[in-house]
Amino acid sequence: MLELLLCSLVTILPDYLYRRYRQNKRFGKEITLYSVWYELRWGITGCLMLTVALITMIFYYHPSTTSAALYFRTVPILPEVAGRVAQVNVDYSAPVKKGDVLFRLDSTKQQAGLETAKRKVAEVDASMISARADVVKAEAQIGEAKAAWQQARDELDTKSELQRRNPGIVPQRDIEKLQVTVDQRQAGIDSASAAREASALRVSTLLPAEKASAEAAMAEAQVDLDKTFVRAGVDGRVEQFLLRPGDVVNQMMRPAGLLIPEGAGRRALQAGFGQIEAQVMRPGMLAEATCISKPWVIIPLVVTGVQDYIAAGQFRSGEQLVDPQNLRQPGTILAFLEPLYKGGLEGVTPGSTCIVNAYTSNHDAIADPKTGALKGFALHVVDATGLVHALLLRIQALLLPIKTLVLSGH
């Protein structure tokens, strides 16, 4: 309607003023409904054509959408392990901090596993002490075996020397027995050394490895025990938390509740514009929005990102081929908008629906010396028509509460 009034100012109105005051034709006499159409047919036709062209230009270069909202992501509250709820620490709706325990599962089995792992570590520590004692014992046995070997060796050397000086004074059989005794004592030394090496290897390698495995098992048991405590992953607010002691929960069941992160839905606004505006929407464009949860307020925004694909074209591989005829509803170009000024979205409830206008700016192209006069004038016209759309948005912001509260059937 506003576009029609603007176009009539340069078509129908001048024609009527000319015939009324220049040709002195009076309304109701020479100017009738038939004569108005007959005499102003070119103006009326031109007005309609200009109106259609103006509306097309405004909505193309300054797109608008009612499909805009402050979307936010919620975090489902689910345990990592299945179990029966033993304790609940939060109500149906409550603020929480990161790390707060929301509820606890029965942990009898996990506590028993942790205690078993601790006992295993203690058992390995006791074995370590025993193995060190074995090393000391083996060293003592080595000393004893070396002393016995030295004694047998000295006796063998003495009798061998006597036999050399006075052949036949020492029976050859005694010398052979002493040689066997020396070899036996040497074998005892080797056996004691091997036992010492085995005990030392057990102390330095085997038992530390067993202790590391036991400590890893204890850490795993501790992790399993910690999983029975379901904590908040981020600061936020718990909603729809209906869990009670005695309930059985697992990952295959519905969530125990939802955790809404702090600040969710307060940073950016997402808006879906028509596909025809894909060539117009660009990051850096200025925009304005009015939201139903904050009436009579215009929020200045800036486009920070434009999704370069249309979600409606997504498909998943399956047993049936994709039929484009099933794509009844055309998709939209998703744009991300952030407040132009700090705190611009303050007071807007997350999830609120909004009306958004985006405005094309050709200032740089107009200021470019290479831009011709005619093109520059056309770009000025394009930018100037954004005022019309801005005015329409303010009218919508003014009427939105009335439309919602009065005309919607309340």
Protein backbone atom coordinates (compact mmCIF):
# COMPACT_ATOMS: atom_id res chain seq x y z
CA MET A 1 0.00 0.00 0.00
CA LEU A 2 2.80 2.40 0.86
CA GLU A 3 4.54 1.66 -2.44
CA LEU A 4 1.29 2.33 -4.32
CA LEU A 5 0.91 5.70 -2.60
CA LEU A 6 4.50 6.65 -3.46
CA CYS A 7 4.08 5.69 -7.10
CA SER A 8 0.76 7.54 -7.36
CA LEU A 9 2.54 10.74 -6.30
CA VAL A 10 4.49 10.76 -9.57
CA THR A 11 1.78 9.35 -11.88
CA ILE A 12 -1.89 9.71 -10.94
CA LEU A 13 -1.64 12.81 -8.73
CA PRO A 14 0.12 15.11 -11.29
CA ASP A 15 -2.31 14.00 -13.99
CA TYR A 16 -5.31 14.75 -11.75
CA LEU A 17 -3.95 18.15 -10.69
CA TYR A 18 -3.36 19.10 -14.32
CA ARG A 19 -6.92 18.27 -15.37
CA ARG A 20 -8.45 19.81 -12.26
CA TYR A 21 -6.63 23.12 -12.10
CA ARG A 22 -5.25 23.55 -15.62
CA GLN A 23 -8.24 22.34 -17.61
CA ASN A 24 -10.74 23.45 -14.92
CA LYS A 25 -12.53 20.09 -14.88
CA ARG A 26 -14.62 19.45 -11.82
CA PHE A 27 -14.91 16.20 -9.91
CA GLY A 28 -18.40 14.79 -10.35
CA LYS A 29 -19.02 16.82 -13.48
CA GLU A 30 -16.41 16.43 -16.17
CA ILE A 31 -14.40 14.08 -13.93
CA THR A 32 -16.35 10.86 -13.35
CA LEU A 33 -15.30 7.30 -12.65
CA TYR A 34 -15.30 6.54 -16.36
CA SER A 35 -13.42 9.71 -17.27
CA VAL A 36 -10.92 9.11 -14.47
CA TRP A 37 -10.07 5.73 -15.91
CA TYR A 38 -10.18 6.96 -19.50
CA GLU A 39 -8.16 10.10 -18.93
CA LEU A 40 -5.80 8.69 -16.29
CA ARG A 41 -5.41 5.23 -17.79
CA TRP A 42 -1.74 5.83 -18.60
CA GLY A 43 -1.07 7.19 -15.14
CA ILE A 44 -2.91 4.29 -13.46
CA THR A 45 -1.11 1.73 -15.60
CA GLY A 46 2.23 3.43 -14.99
CA CYS A 47 1.48 3.58 -11.26
CA LEU A 48 0.78 -0.16 -11.12
CA MET A 49 3.91 -0.95 -13.11
CA LEU A 50 6.06 1.31 -10.93
CA THR A 51 4.50 -0.21 -7.80
CA VAL A 52 5.34 -3.74 -8.91
CA ALA A 53 8.87 -2.67 -9.90
CA LEU A 54 9.37 -0.81 -6.62
CA ILE A 55 8.13 -3.73 -4.51
CA THR A 56 10.35 -6.14 -6.44
CA MET A 57 13.39 -3.89 -6.04
CA ILE A 58 12.78 -3.31 -2.33
CA PHE A 59 12.29 -6.96 -1.44
CA TYR A 60 15.20 -8.10 -3.61
CA TYR A 61 17.86 -5.62 -2.55
CA HIS A 62 16.54 -5.22 1.01
CA PRO A 63 15.29 -8.72 1.87
CA SER A 64 12.96 -9.39 4.75
CA THR A 65 11.97 -12.52 6.62
CA THR A 66 9.74 -13.60 9.47
CA SER A 67 11.63 -16.90 9.78
CA ALA A 68 14.14 -15.68 12.35
CA ALA A 69 14.80 -16.82 15.88
CA LEU A 70 17.41 -16.98 18.62
CA TYR A 71 18.17 -20.68 18.35
CA PHE A 72 20.19 -22.36 21.09
CA ARG A 73 21.62 -25.81 21.78
CA THR A 74 20.69 -27.84 24.84
CA VAL A 75 22.81 -30.58 26.42
CA PRO A 76 20.99 -33.83 27.31
CA ILE A 77 21.72 -35.14 30.81
CA LEU A 78 22.70 -38.80 30.47
CA PRO A 79 25.02 -41.07 32.47
CA GLU A 80 27.93 -42.85 30.76
CA VAL A 81 27.03 -46.12 32.49
CA ALA A 82 23.74 -47.79 33.30
CA GLY A 83 22.60 -48.02 36.89
CA ARG A 84 20.04 -47.23 39.54
CA VAL A 85 19.79 -43.68 40.86
CA ALA A 86 20.92 -43.42 44.46
CA GLN A 87 20.86 -39.66 45.04
CA VAL A 88 19.47 -36.60 43.23
CA ASN A 89 20.96 -33.17 44.01
CA VAL A 90 18.96 -30.74 41.83
CA ASP A 91 15.29 -29.88 41.42
CA TYR A 92 13.08 -29.77 38.33
CA SER A 93 14.57 -26.41 37.34
CA ALA A 94 17.73 -25.02 38.92
CA PRO A 95 20.93 -23.13 38.06
CA VAL A 96 24.13 -25.20 38.12
CA LYS A 97 27.86 -24.63 37.80
CA LYS A 98 30.36 -26.66 35.83
CA GLY A 99 31.35 -29.73 37.85
CA ASP A 100 28.27 -29.75 40.12
CA VAL A 101 26.96 -33.28 40.80
CA LEU A 102 23.46 -33.56 39.35
CA PHE A 103 22.76 -37.09 40.52
CA ARG A 104 24.61 -40.21 41.66
CA LEU A 105 24.14 -43.84 40.66
CA ASP A 106 24.50 -46.81 42.97
CA SER A 107 28.26 -47.45 43.09
CA THR A 108 28.55 -50.64 45.18
CA LYS A 109 30.07 -52.64 42.32
CA GLN A 110 32.47 -49.84 41.32
CA GLN A 111 33.62 -49.34 44.93
CA ALA A 112 34.31 -53.07 45.26
CA GLY A 113 36.32 -52.99 42.05
CA LEU A 114 38.34 -50.02 43.29
CA GLU A 115 39.02 -51.72 46.62
CA THR A 116 40.19 -54.85 44.80
CA ALA A 117 42.56 -52.78 42.67
CA LYS A 118 43.96 -51.06 45.79
CA ARG A 119 44.56 -54.46 47.42
CA LYS A 120 46.41 -55.59 44.32
CA VAL A 121 48.71 -52.55 44.52
CA ALA A 122 49.37 -53.29 48.20
CA GLU A 123 50.10 -56.93 47.31
CA VAL A 124 52.67 -55.86 44.73
CA ASP A 125 54.30 -53.49 47.26
CA ALA A 126 54.61 -56.42 49.71
CA SER A 127 56.12 -58.56 46.97
CA MET A 128 58.61 -55.78 46.28
CA ILE A 129 59.80 -55.85 49.91
CA SER A 130 60.05 -59.64 49.82
CA ALA A 131 62.01 -59.52 46.56
CA ARG A 132 64.50 -57.04 48.02
CA ALA A 133 65.01 -59.42 50.96
CA ASP A 134 65.61 -62.23 48.47
CA VAL A 135 68.32 -60.13 46.81
CA VAL A 136 70.07 -59.65 50.17
CA LYS A 137 69.72 -63.37 50.91
CA ALA A 138 71.15 -64.27 47.50
CA GLU A 139 74.12 -61.96 48.07
CA ALA A 140 74.79 -63.67 51.40
CA GLN A 141 74.62 -67.09 49.73
CA ILE A 142 77.08 -65.88 47.10
CA GLY A 143 79.50 -64.84 49.85
CA GLU A 144 79.08 -68.18 51.62
CA ALA A 145 79.62 -70.09 48.38
CA LYS A 146 82.72 -68.05 47.53
CA ALA A 147 84.19 -68.73 50.99
CA ALA A 148 83.59 -72.48 50.64
CA TRP A 149 85.07 -72.40 47.16
CA GLN A 150 88.14 -70.51 48.40
CA GLN A 151 88.65 -73.02 51.21
CA ALA A 152 88.43 -75.96 48.85
CA ARG A 153 90.69 -74.20 46.38
CA ASP A 154 93.36 -73.48 49.01
CA GLU A 155 93.34 -77.08 50.17
CA LEU A 156 93.65 -78.29 46.58
CA ASP A 157 96.56 -75.95 45.92
CA THR A 158 98.36 -77.07 49.09
CA LYS A 159 98.12 -80.81 48.36
CA SER A 160 98.97 -80.25 44.71
CA GLU A 161 102.15 -78.40 45.78
CA LEU A 162 103.10 -81.25 48.14
CA GLN A 163 102.51 -83.79 45.42
CA ARG A 164 104.74 -81.80 43.09
CA ARG A 165 107.59 -81.59 45.60
CA ASN A 166 107.30 -85.15 46.95
CA PRO A 167 105.56 -87.38 44.41
CA GLY A 168 103.49 -90.07 46.08
CA ILE A 169 103.17 -88.29 49.44
CA VAL A 170 99.52 -87.36 48.67
CA PRO A 171 97.27 -89.95 47.11
CA GLN A 172 96.07 -88.99 43.63
CA ARG A 173 92.58 -89.91 44.68
CA ASP A 174 92.49 -87.14 47.31
CA ILE A 175 93.61 -84.53 44.78
CA GLU A 176 90.83 -85.61 42.39
CA LYS A 177 88.26 -85.38 45.20
CA LEU A 178 89.45 -81.87 46.04
CA GLN A 179 89.16 -80.84 42.38
CA VAL A 180 85.58 -82.13 42.30
CA THR A 181 84.87 -80.18 45.50
CA VAL A 182 86.27 -76.97 43.97
CA ASP A 183 84.09 -77.44 40.88
CA GLN A 184 81.09 -78.09 43.12
CA ARG A 185 81.78 -74.91 45.10
CA GLN A 186 82.07 -72.97 41.80
CA ALA A 187 78.70 -74.33 40.72
CA GLY A 188 77.29 -73.13 44.06
CA ILE A 189 78.66 -69.65 43.37
CA ASP A 190 77.06 -69.64 39.89
CA SER A 191 73.74 -70.87 41.31
CA ALA A 192 73.71 -68.18 44.01
CA SER A 193 74.64 -65.51 41.41
CA ALA A 194 71.80 -66.66 39.16
CA ALA A 195 69.38 -66.50 42.10
CA ARG A 196 70.59 -62.99 42.89
CA GLU A 197 70.15 -61.90 39.27
CA ALA A 198 66.64 -63.37 39.22
CA SER A 199 65.73 -61.55 42.44
CA ALA A 200 67.27 -58.30 41.19
CA LEU A 201 65.43 -58.62 37.86
CA ARG A 202 62.18 -59.18 39.74
CA VAL A 203 62.82 -56.06 41.82
CA SER A 204 63.88 -53.84 38.91
CA THR A 205 61.57 -55.03 36.11
CA LEU A 206 58.87 -57.57 36.89
CA LEU A 207 57.37 -56.14 40.06
CA PRO A 208 57.40 -52.49 38.79
CA ALA A 209 55.53 -53.69 35.71
CA GLU A 210 53.02 -55.53 37.87
CA LYS A 211 52.63 -52.44 40.05
CA ALA A 212 52.09 -50.23 37.00
CA SER A 213 49.40 -52.62 35.75
CA ALA A 214 47.80 -52.68 39.20
CA GLU A 215 47.85 -48.88 39.38
CA ALA A 216 46.32 -48.66 35.88
CA ALA A 217 43.59 -51.07 36.98
CA MET A 218 43.05 -48.92 40.08
CA ALA A 219 42.81 -45.77 37.93
CA GLU A 220 40.33 -47.53 35.66
CA ALA A 221 38.29 -48.57 38.68
CA GLN A 222 38.40 -44.97 39.92
CA VAL A 223 37.14 -43.77 36.52
CA ASP A 224 34.29 -46.29 36.67
CA LEU A 225 33.44 -45.01 40.13
CA ASP A 226 33.57 -41.38 38.96
CA LYS A 227 31.15 -42.22 36.14
CA THR A 228 28.48 -42.94 38.71
CA PHE A 229 28.58 -39.22 39.58
CA VAL A 230 26.82 -37.35 36.75
CA ARG A 231 28.09 -33.76 36.70
CA ALA A 232 27.22 -30.60 34.81
CA GLY A 233 29.61 -30.11 31.90
CA VAL A 234 29.07 -26.35 31.63
CA ASP A 235 27.58 -23.49 33.60
CA GLY A 236 23.90 -23.18 32.89
CA ARG A 237 20.44 -24.17 34.02
CA VAL A 238 18.84 -27.59 34.39
CA GLU A 239 15.29 -27.87 33.06
CA GLN A 240 12.71 -30.69 33.00
CA PHE A 241 14.75 -32.73 35.48
CA LEU A 242 12.31 -35.36 36.73
CA LEU A 243 14.77 -38.02 37.91
CA ARG A 244 14.15 -39.54 41.33
CA PRO A 245 16.06 -42.05 43.54
CA GLY A 246 15.31 -45.61 42.49
CA ASP A 247 14.97 -44.86 38.77
CA VAL A 248 17.04 -46.98 36.40
CA VAL A 249 18.82 -44.95 33.74
CA ASN A 250 21.04 -45.78 30.77
CA GLN A 251 22.12 -44.18 27.50
CA MET A 252 19.37 -45.90 25.51
CA MET A 253 16.59 -44.29 27.55
CA ARG A 254 15.35 -40.73 27.29
CA PRO A 255 17.53 -38.02 28.90
CA ALA A 256 17.06 -37.42 32.60
CA GLY A 257 16.71 -33.71 31.77
CA LEU A 258 18.22 -30.89 29.74
CA LEU A 259 21.08 -28.55 30.54
CA ILE A 260 20.86 -25.15 28.86
CA PRO A 261 24.35 -23.57 28.74
CA GLU A 262 24.73 -20.12 30.21
CA GLY A 263 24.40 -17.46 27.52
CA ALA A 264 22.77 -19.85 25.05
CA GLY A 265 20.67 -18.05 22.46
CA ARG A 266 21.93 -14.60 23.45
CA ARG A 267 24.86 -14.09 21.09
CA ALA A 268 23.48 -14.31 17.56
CA LEU A 269 20.22 -14.48 15.68
CA GLN A 270 19.60 -16.89 12.80
CA ALA A 271 17.33 -15.90 9.94
CA GLY A 272 16.21 -17.77 6.83
CA PHE A 273 15.92 -15.65 3.67
CA GLY A 274 14.46 -16.78 0.36
CA GLN A 275 16.61 -18.54 -2.22
CA ILE A 276 16.23 -15.64 -4.65
CA GLU A 277 18.25 -13.47 -2.25
CA ALA A 278 21.29 -15.78 -2.35
CA GLN A 279 23.13 -13.31 -4.62
CA VAL A 280 22.33 -10.35 -2.36
CA MET A 281 23.00 -11.66 1.13
CA ARG A 282 26.60 -10.99 2.11
CA PRO A 283 28.50 -10.79 5.42
CA GLY A 284 28.80 -7.20 6.57
CA MET A 285 25.28 -6.16 5.54
CA LEU A 286 23.41 -4.06 8.07
CA ALA A 287 20.09 -5.36 9.31
CA GLU A 288 17.33 -4.60 11.78
CA ALA A 289 15.05 -6.84 13.77
CA THR A 290 12.03 -6.64 16.00
CA CYS A 291 11.24 -9.57 18.28
CA ILE A 292 7.93 -10.54 19.80
CA SER A 293 9.50 -11.00 23.26
CA LYS A 294 10.75 -7.40 23.20
CA PRO A 295 7.99 -5.38 21.49
CA TRP A 296 8.28 -1.85 20.09
CA VAL A 297 12.07 -2.12 19.92
CA ILE A 298 14.23 -2.08 16.77
CA ILE A 299 17.51 -3.96 17.20
CA PRO A 300 20.40 -2.96 14.88
CA LEU A 301 22.26 -6.02 13.57
CA VAL A 302 25.06 -6.94 11.20
CA VAL A 303 25.27 -10.08 9.06
CA THR A 304 28.32 -12.06 10.22
CA GLY A 305 27.88 -15.17 8.10
CA VAL A 306 25.79 -16.65 5.32
CA GLN A 307 25.38 -20.40 4.90
CA ASP A 308 26.51 -21.27 1.37
CA TYR A 309 24.13 -24.20 0.95
CA ILE A 310 20.40 -24.78 1.35
CA ALA A 311 19.42 -27.24 4.06
CA ALA A 312 16.31 -28.40 2.16
CA GLY A 313 18.57 -30.03 -0.45
CA GLN A 314 20.10 -32.41 2.07
CA PHE A 315 19.41 -36.12 1.67
CA ARG A 316 20.51 -39.29 3.39
CA SER A 317 21.44 -42.43 1.54
CA GLY A 318 18.82 -45.14 1.87
CA GLU A 319 16.87 -47.77 0.00
CA GLN A 320 14.86 -45.27 -2.06
CA LEU A 321 16.05 -42.90 -4.75
CA VAL A 322 15.64 -39.17 -4.21
CA ASP A 323 12.63 -37.73 -6.03
CA PRO A 324 12.84 -33.91 -6.47
CA GLN A 325 9.03 -33.79 -6.64
CA ASN A 326 8.98 -34.45 -2.90
CA LEU A 327 10.72 -31.12 -2.30
CA ARG A 328 7.49 -29.19 -1.84
CA GLN A 329 8.71 -26.40 0.43
CA PRO A 330 11.58 -24.33 -0.97
CA GLY A 331 14.49 -23.98 1.38
CA THR A 332 16.03 -20.79 2.68
CA ILE A 333 19.44 -19.19 2.90
CA LEU A 334 20.52 -19.22 6.54
CA ALA A 335 22.18 -16.02 7.74
CA PHE A 336 23.79 -15.36 11.11
CA LEU A 337 23.31 -11.90 12.58
CA GLU A 338 24.92 -10.37 15.64
CA PRO A 339 24.05 -7.13 17.45
CA LEU A 340 25.71 -4.05 16.04
CA TYR A 341 26.16 -2.72 19.57
CA LYS A 342 27.07 -4.51 22.78
CA GLY A 343 24.02 -5.77 24.65
CA GLY A 344 21.78 -5.37 21.63
CA LEU A 345 19.99 -8.68 22.28
CA GLU A 346 19.67 -8.06 26.01
CA GLY A 347 16.10 -8.61 27.08
CA VAL A 348 15.26 -10.82 24.10
CA THR A 349 14.25 -14.26 25.35
CA PRO A 350 16.25 -17.10 23.74
CA GLY A 351 14.08 -18.92 21.24
CA SER A 352 12.02 -15.82 20.51
CA THR A 353 10.77 -15.34 16.94
CA CYS A 354 11.70 -12.13 15.15
CA ILE A 355 11.14 -10.15 11.97
CA VAL A 356 14.36 -9.19 10.21
CA ASN A 357 15.19 -6.72 7.46
CA ALA A 358 18.58 -6.66 5.75
CA TYR A 359 19.77 -3.65 3.77
CA THR A 360 22.02 -3.58 0.73
CA SER A 361 24.60 -0.78 0.75
CA ASN A 362 26.21 0.42 -2.49
CA HIS A 363 28.22 3.24 -0.92
CA ASP A 364 31.58 1.87 -2.05
CA ALA A 365 30.35 1.33 -5.61
CA ILE A 366 28.89 4.84 -5.76
CA ALA A 367 32.11 6.38 -4.43
CA ASP A 368 34.18 4.48 -7.03
CA PRO A 369 35.30 6.93 -9.80
CA LYS A 370 34.76 4.18 -12.38
CA THR A 371 31.03 4.14 -11.66
CA GLY A 372 29.07 6.07 -14.28
CA ALA A 373 26.53 8.78 -13.47
CA LEU A 374 23.53 6.72 -14.59
CA LYS A 375 24.64 3.65 -12.67
CA GLY A 376 25.43 5.78 -9.63
CA PHE A 377 21.94 7.30 -9.75
CA ALA A 378 20.40 3.82 -9.98
CA LEU A 379 22.43 2.65 -7.00
CA HIS A 380 21.32 5.74 -5.07
CA VAL A 381 17.72 4.80 -5.81
CA VAL A 382 18.35 1.23 -4.62
CA ASP A 383 19.84 2.45 -1.35
CA ALA A 384 17.12 5.05 -0.85
CA THR A 385 14.36 2.44 -1.13
CA GLY A 386 15.77 0.84 1.99
CA LEU A 387 14.08 3.68 3.91
CA VAL A 388 10.72 2.36 2.76
CA HIS A 389 11.51 -1.09 4.08
CA ALA A 390 12.82 0.37 7.34
CA LEU A 391 9.56 2.28 7.73
CA LEU A 392 7.58 -0.90 7.06
CA LEU A 393 9.55 -2.72 9.76
CA ARG A 394 8.73 0.00 12.28
CA ILE A 395 5.06 -0.23 11.37
CA GLN A 396 5.27 -4.01 11.90
CA ALA A 397 6.99 -3.48 15.25
CA LEU A 398 4.21 -1.09 16.27
CA LEU A 399 1.41 -3.44 15.23
CA LEU A 400 3.01 -6.72 16.32
CA PRO A 401 1.84 -6.61 19.99
CA ILE A 402 -1.64 -5.52 18.88
CA LYS A 403 -1.80 -8.29 16.30
CA THR A 404 -0.61 -10.84 18.85
CA LEU A 405 -2.74 -9.78 21.83
CA VAL A 406 -5.88 -8.43 20.17
CA LEU A 407 -6.28 -9.77 16.67
CA SER A 408 -5.09 -13.34 17.27
CA GLY A 409 -8.22 -14.41 19.18
CA HIS A 410 -7.14 -13.84 22.79
